[in-house]
Amino acid sequence: MICASSPHHVTALFSPRFTSEPRSTGSIGIGIAVEPRARICTGGEEEAGKSSIGTVKRVAEALGAAGEKISSVLPLPPGVGYAVSAAAAVSAALALGAARQKVGRLLEIAHEAEVLERTGLGDVLAISCGVGLVARLSPGAPGTGRAECRQLPPGVSLLSIVISEEHTGEFVKRYTSMRLHEASEPIIAKVAESLEFHLFAEEVLRFNLENGLIRAMLEERGEEVVRKTPGLITAYGKKGVVMVAVESQLVRDAVEHLYGLGRRLLYLRPSGSSFAVEVS
């Protein structure tokens, strides 16, 4: 049995780059790699080529493994902004392809599946780095694009508020129609230069408040609740999830405060490592 696991990734700011080739299509951006991890193993009861996750099905077909049986543990809800499709694609590619292809090619296949399914642009690249604060410096699949990452400082806890599902293609269209991709590019470059978390926190929160992104998701009252979160370090909205980073010593107070929104609240951990493969 081969098992592979992958962190998830929640983009904060991004700017898409489209080309004629899935391998070079992608995005630049900044975000946070998070756990719990997605995990896929061979030898389960689910047929890989009939997976409910489109990227897993496409990866299996690309590897000639559509008939292989797998089991999946996907702890975060899909379609809201946690990059579940990317984490599943990476895990499936590594679990199904470990005996077929080199790791670099398997990550390319996972990225191409994301682009062709229109479920993401840069999350596989981010996951390939996979630790803490991630900056995507150039677009494309791992090996074509380039990412750098750095552990978050100690004492940072991550909470996330689940708002709604939205297809990534529609989200990208809405984001670019507001020209947020253009406005974000100087911030992406500034944060990527130092990969300093507190600079990221300050710039991302300011961008979200100035552009009304959290307000659009939670309305004015909800935005005010987020801004008054005990121990708040930063907050940002991505697709259908609002990420809130707080001082760990005040995380209990923050949870009690945010429960007042009446939304699903999930506790996340900064990812401490990228993808992993286990053979037994």
Protein backbone atom coordinates (compact mmCIF):
# COMPACT_ATOMS: atom_id res chain seq x y z
CA MET A 1 0.00 0.00 0.00
CA ILE A 2 1.21 3.48 -0.87
CA CYS A 3 -0.15 6.52 0.94
CA ALA A 4 0.53 10.15 0.15
CA SER A 5 -0.45 13.24 2.10
CA SER A 6 -0.46 16.93 1.32
CA PRO A 7 -1.13 20.18 3.17
CA HIS A 8 -3.85 22.50 1.96
CA HIS A 9 -3.31 26.12 0.92
CA VAL A 10 -5.40 29.27 1.31
CA THR A 11 -4.40 32.02 -1.09
CA ALA A 12 -4.51 35.59 0.21
CA LEU A 13 -3.64 37.54 -2.97
CA PHE A 14 -2.99 36.36 -6.50
CA SER A 15 -2.70 37.39 -10.12
CA PRO A 16 -3.44 34.79 -12.82
CA ARG A 17 -1.26 34.06 -15.84
CA PHE A 18 -2.91 32.19 -18.73
CA THR A 19 -0.98 30.57 -21.57
CA SER A 20 -1.77 28.01 -24.25
CA GLU A 21 -0.24 25.22 -22.13
CA PRO A 22 -1.59 23.92 -18.79
CA ARG A 23 1.98 23.42 -17.53
CA SER A 24 2.84 27.12 -17.83
CA THR A 25 -0.61 28.49 -16.93
CA GLY A 26 -0.83 29.47 -13.28
CA SER A 27 -0.57 32.47 -10.99
CA ILE A 28 1.75 34.49 -8.82
CA GLY A 29 0.54 35.08 -5.28
CA ILE A 30 0.90 34.77 -1.54
CA GLY A 31 -0.94 32.56 0.94
CA ILE A 32 -0.62 30.16 3.85
CA ALA A 33 -0.10 26.39 3.71
CA VAL A 34 -2.31 24.73 6.33
CA GLU A 35 -3.20 21.43 7.93
CA PRO A 36 -5.02 19.03 8.55
CA ARG A 37 -3.65 17.21 5.55
CA ALA A 38 -5.35 15.45 2.67
CA ARG A 39 -4.41 11.77 2.45
CA ILE A 40 -4.93 9.21 -0.32
CA CYS A 41 -3.87 5.55 -0.19
CA THR A 42 -3.93 2.77 -2.75
CA GLY A 43 -5.81 -0.43 -1.98
CA GLY A 44 -9.10 1.09 -0.80
CA GLU A 45 -12.65 0.60 -2.05
CA GLU A 46 -13.08 3.70 -4.26
CA GLU A 47 -12.22 3.47 -7.96
CA ALA A 48 -9.79 6.27 -8.76
CA GLY A 49 -11.28 6.90 -12.20
CA LYS A 50 -14.71 7.44 -10.66
CA SER A 51 -13.66 9.75 -7.84
CA SER A 52 -16.05 12.55 -6.90
CA ILE A 53 -13.01 14.89 -6.93
CA GLY A 54 -12.46 15.82 -10.56
CA THR A 55 -8.73 16.35 -10.21
CA VAL A 56 -8.25 12.87 -8.71
CA LYS A 57 -10.14 11.32 -11.61
CA ARG A 58 -8.08 13.28 -14.14
CA VAL A 59 -4.79 12.39 -12.42
CA ALA A 60 -5.72 8.68 -12.44
CA GLU A 61 -6.55 8.83 -16.14
CA ALA A 62 -3.28 10.61 -16.95
CA LEU A 63 -1.35 7.88 -15.12
CA GLY A 64 -3.28 5.00 -16.68
CA ALA A 65 -4.55 4.11 -13.21
CA ALA A 66 -8.26 4.84 -13.58
CA GLY A 67 -9.23 1.34 -12.45
CA GLU A 68 -7.06 1.28 -9.34
CA LYS A 69 -8.72 1.30 -5.92
CA ILE A 70 -7.98 4.07 -3.46
CA SER A 71 -9.16 5.41 -0.13
CA SER A 72 -9.33 9.12 0.61
CA VAL A 73 -9.29 11.23 3.75
CA LEU A 74 -10.21 14.82 2.86
CA PRO A 75 -10.81 16.63 6.16
CA LEU A 76 -11.68 20.09 4.82
CA PRO A 77 -14.79 21.02 2.81
CA PRO A 78 -14.25 21.37 -0.96
CA GLY A 79 -15.28 24.35 -3.04
CA VAL A 80 -14.82 27.07 -0.43
CA GLY A 81 -11.14 28.03 -0.73
CA TYR A 82 -8.95 25.49 1.05
CA ALA A 83 -7.49 24.10 -2.22
CA VAL A 84 -8.94 20.65 -1.53
CA SER A 85 -8.82 19.78 -5.22
CA ALA A 86 -5.11 20.63 -5.38
CA ALA A 87 -4.25 18.76 -2.17
CA ALA A 88 -6.20 15.74 -3.44
CA ALA A 89 -4.53 15.94 -6.85
CA VAL A 90 -1.05 16.00 -5.31
CA SER A 91 -1.85 13.13 -2.95
CA ALA A 92 -3.45 11.05 -5.71
CA ALA A 93 -0.59 11.66 -8.15
CA LEU A 94 2.00 10.59 -5.60
CA ALA A 95 0.05 7.58 -4.31
CA LEU A 96 -0.88 6.26 -7.76
CA GLY A 97 2.26 7.29 -9.61
CA ALA A 98 5.11 6.50 -7.23
CA ALA A 99 6.03 3.40 -9.25
CA ARG A 100 5.33 5.02 -12.62
CA GLN A 101 6.88 8.49 -12.73
CA LYS A 102 9.40 10.73 -10.98
CA VAL A 103 8.05 13.14 -8.39
CA GLY A 104 8.58 16.20 -10.60
CA ARG A 105 6.41 14.78 -13.36
CA LEU A 106 3.74 13.70 -10.86
CA LEU A 107 3.49 17.25 -9.54
CA GLU A 108 3.18 18.50 -13.12
CA ILE A 109 0.31 16.07 -13.69
CA ALA A 110 -1.42 17.31 -10.54
CA HIS A 111 -1.04 20.94 -11.65
CA GLU A 112 -2.29 20.17 -15.15
CA ALA A 113 -5.34 18.40 -13.67
CA GLU A 114 -6.13 21.53 -11.65
CA VAL A 115 -5.86 23.83 -14.65
CA LEU A 116 -7.90 21.56 -16.93
CA GLU A 117 -10.61 21.10 -14.29
CA ARG A 118 -10.61 24.88 -13.70
CA THR A 119 -10.38 24.27 -9.95
CA GLY A 120 -7.17 26.20 -9.34
CA LEU A 121 -4.16 27.92 -10.85
CA GLY A 122 -1.35 28.08 -8.31
CA ASP A 123 -2.20 25.84 -5.38
CA VAL A 124 -0.21 22.80 -6.54
CA LEU A 125 2.86 25.02 -6.90
CA ALA A 126 2.26 26.44 -3.41
CA ILE A 127 1.78 22.96 -1.95
CA SER A 128 5.02 21.78 -3.56
CA CYS A 129 6.76 24.22 -1.20
CA GLY A 130 4.13 23.63 1.42
CA VAL A 131 5.39 25.30 4.59
CA GLY A 132 3.82 28.27 6.38
CA LEU A 133 3.84 31.50 4.38
CA VAL A 134 4.14 30.72 0.66
CA ALA A 135 4.99 33.12 -2.17
CA ARG A 136 4.49 32.02 -5.77
CA LEU A 137 7.15 34.00 -7.60
CA SER A 138 6.54 32.79 -11.15
CA PRO A 139 3.55 30.89 -12.56
CA GLY A 140 3.16 27.32 -13.73
CA ALA A 141 3.58 23.77 -12.53
CA PRO A 142 6.35 22.89 -10.07
CA GLY A 143 9.54 22.86 -12.11
CA THR A 144 8.17 25.53 -14.44
CA GLY A 145 6.89 27.98 -11.84
CA ARG A 146 8.78 28.91 -8.70
CA ALA A 147 7.67 29.21 -5.08
CA GLU A 148 9.39 30.01 -1.81
CA CYS A 149 8.04 29.44 1.69
CA ARG A 150 8.90 30.07 5.33
CA GLN A 151 7.58 28.75 8.63
CA LEU A 152 5.16 31.05 10.43
CA PRO A 153 6.56 32.55 13.61
CA PRO A 154 5.67 30.80 16.89
CA GLY A 155 2.54 31.90 18.66
CA VAL A 156 0.30 32.21 15.59
CA SER A 157 -2.97 30.26 15.47
CA LEU A 158 -5.24 30.01 12.44
CA LEU A 159 -9.03 30.03 12.42
CA SER A 160 -11.23 29.95 9.35
CA ILE A 161 -14.86 30.91 8.85
CA VAL A 162 -16.71 28.91 6.19
CA ILE A 163 -19.12 31.09 4.24
CA SER A 164 -20.18 29.45 0.98
CA GLU A 165 -19.15 27.35 -2.01
CA GLU A 166 -18.14 28.91 -5.31
CA HIS A 167 -16.52 27.43 -8.40
CA THR A 168 -12.95 28.66 -8.79
CA GLY A 169 -13.55 29.76 -12.37
CA GLU A 170 -16.35 32.09 -11.26
CA PHE A 171 -14.25 33.39 -8.38
CA VAL A 172 -11.30 34.19 -10.67
CA LYS A 173 -13.65 35.97 -13.10
CA ARG A 174 -15.13 38.06 -10.28
CA TYR A 175 -11.71 38.83 -8.77
CA THR A 176 -10.23 39.98 -12.08
CA SER A 177 -13.34 41.95 -13.09
CA MET A 178 -12.76 44.06 -9.97
CA ARG A 179 -9.12 44.44 -11.07
CA LEU A 180 -7.98 43.10 -7.72
CA HIS A 181 -5.29 41.06 -9.44
CA GLU A 182 -3.64 44.24 -10.67
CA ALA A 183 -3.96 45.99 -7.31
CA SER A 184 -2.46 42.97 -5.54
CA GLU A 185 0.68 42.63 -7.66
CA PRO A 186 2.80 45.29 -5.86
CA ILE A 187 1.87 43.72 -2.51
CA ILE A 188 2.74 40.23 -3.72
CA ALA A 189 6.15 41.51 -4.87
CA LYS A 190 6.75 43.37 -1.60
CA VAL A 191 5.90 40.38 0.61
CA ALA A 192 7.76 37.91 -1.62
CA GLU A 193 10.95 39.95 -1.31
CA SER A 194 11.24 39.36 2.45
CA LEU A 195 8.74 36.58 3.24
CA GLU A 196 8.25 38.37 6.55
CA PHE A 197 5.00 37.23 8.14
CA HIS A 198 4.09 40.44 9.94
CA LEU A 199 4.51 42.42 6.72
CA PHE A 200 2.22 39.88 5.01
CA ALA A 201 -0.28 40.21 7.86
CA GLU A 202 -0.35 44.01 7.72
CA GLU A 203 -0.57 44.30 3.95
CA VAL A 204 -3.19 41.58 3.46
CA LEU A 205 -5.49 42.93 6.18
CA ARG A 206 -5.22 46.44 4.78
CA PHE A 207 -5.96 45.22 1.24
CA ASN A 208 -9.03 43.30 2.39
CA LEU A 209 -10.45 46.19 4.41
CA GLU A 210 -9.79 48.82 1.74
CA ASN A 211 -11.43 46.69 -0.94
CA GLY A 212 -14.35 45.51 1.20
CA LEU A 213 -13.58 41.82 0.67
CA ILE A 214 -14.49 40.62 4.16
CA ARG A 215 -17.49 42.96 4.23
CA ALA A 216 -18.77 41.46 0.97
CA MET A 217 -18.68 38.01 2.57
CA LEU A 218 -19.91 38.79 6.10
CA GLU A 219 -21.61 42.17 5.67
CA GLU A 220 -20.67 45.23 7.71
CA ARG A 221 -21.48 43.72 11.10
CA GLY A 222 -19.46 40.59 10.33
CA GLU A 223 -16.47 42.62 9.19
CA GLU A 224 -16.60 44.55 12.48
CA VAL A 225 -16.73 41.29 14.46
CA VAL A 226 -13.63 40.04 12.64
CA ARG A 227 -11.78 43.33 13.20
CA LYS A 228 -12.47 43.11 16.95
CA THR A 229 -11.31 39.49 17.29
CA PRO A 230 -9.18 39.12 20.44
CA GLY A 231 -5.50 38.80 19.52
CA LEU A 232 -6.14 39.55 15.84
CA ILE A 233 -2.99 39.46 13.68
CA THR A 234 -4.55 39.45 10.22
CA ALA A 235 -7.63 38.38 8.30
CA TYR A 236 -8.47 37.85 4.67
CA GLY A 237 -11.21 36.45 2.46
CA LYS A 238 -10.67 33.92 -0.32
CA LYS A 239 -13.60 32.60 -2.36
CA GLY A 240 -15.92 31.28 0.39
CA VAL A 241 -13.67 31.28 3.45
CA VAL A 242 -12.36 34.00 5.76
CA MET A 243 -8.98 33.27 7.33
CA VAL A 244 -8.23 34.78 10.73
CA ALA A 245 -4.77 34.61 12.31
CA VAL A 246 -4.63 35.30 16.05
CA GLU A 247 -2.16 35.23 18.90
CA SER A 248 -2.14 31.67 20.21
CA GLN A 249 -2.47 32.76 23.83
CA LEU A 250 -5.84 34.32 22.97
CA VAL A 251 -7.16 31.65 20.62
CA ARG A 252 -9.86 30.47 23.04
CA ASP A 253 -11.18 34.02 23.39
CA ALA A 254 -11.02 34.43 19.62
CA VAL A 255 -13.03 31.25 19.05
CA GLU A 256 -15.73 32.30 21.50
CA HIS A 257 -15.87 35.74 19.87
CA LEU A 258 -16.12 34.44 16.29
CA TYR A 259 -18.80 31.88 17.19
CA GLY A 260 -21.04 34.91 17.52
CA LEU A 261 -21.15 35.11 13.73
CA GLY A 262 -23.18 31.88 13.64
CA ARG A 263 -20.94 30.42 10.94
CA ARG A 264 -18.97 27.19 10.74
CA LEU A 265 -15.59 27.79 12.34
CA LEU A 266 -12.59 25.52 11.71
CA TYR A 267 -9.26 25.47 13.53
CA LEU A 268 -6.25 25.04 11.24
CA ARG A 269 -2.53 24.58 11.82
CA PRO A 270 0.28 26.18 9.84
CA SER A 271 1.79 23.41 7.73
CA GLY A 272 5.18 22.24 8.90
CA SER A 273 6.08 20.18 5.83
CA SER A 274 5.17 19.67 2.19
CA PHE A 275 3.83 16.46 0.62
CA ALA A 276 4.91 13.06 1.94
CA VAL A 277 4.80 9.47 0.64
CA GLU A 278 4.67 6.31 2.79
CA VAL A 279 5.04 2.73 1.53
CA SER A 280 3.96 -0.26 3.61
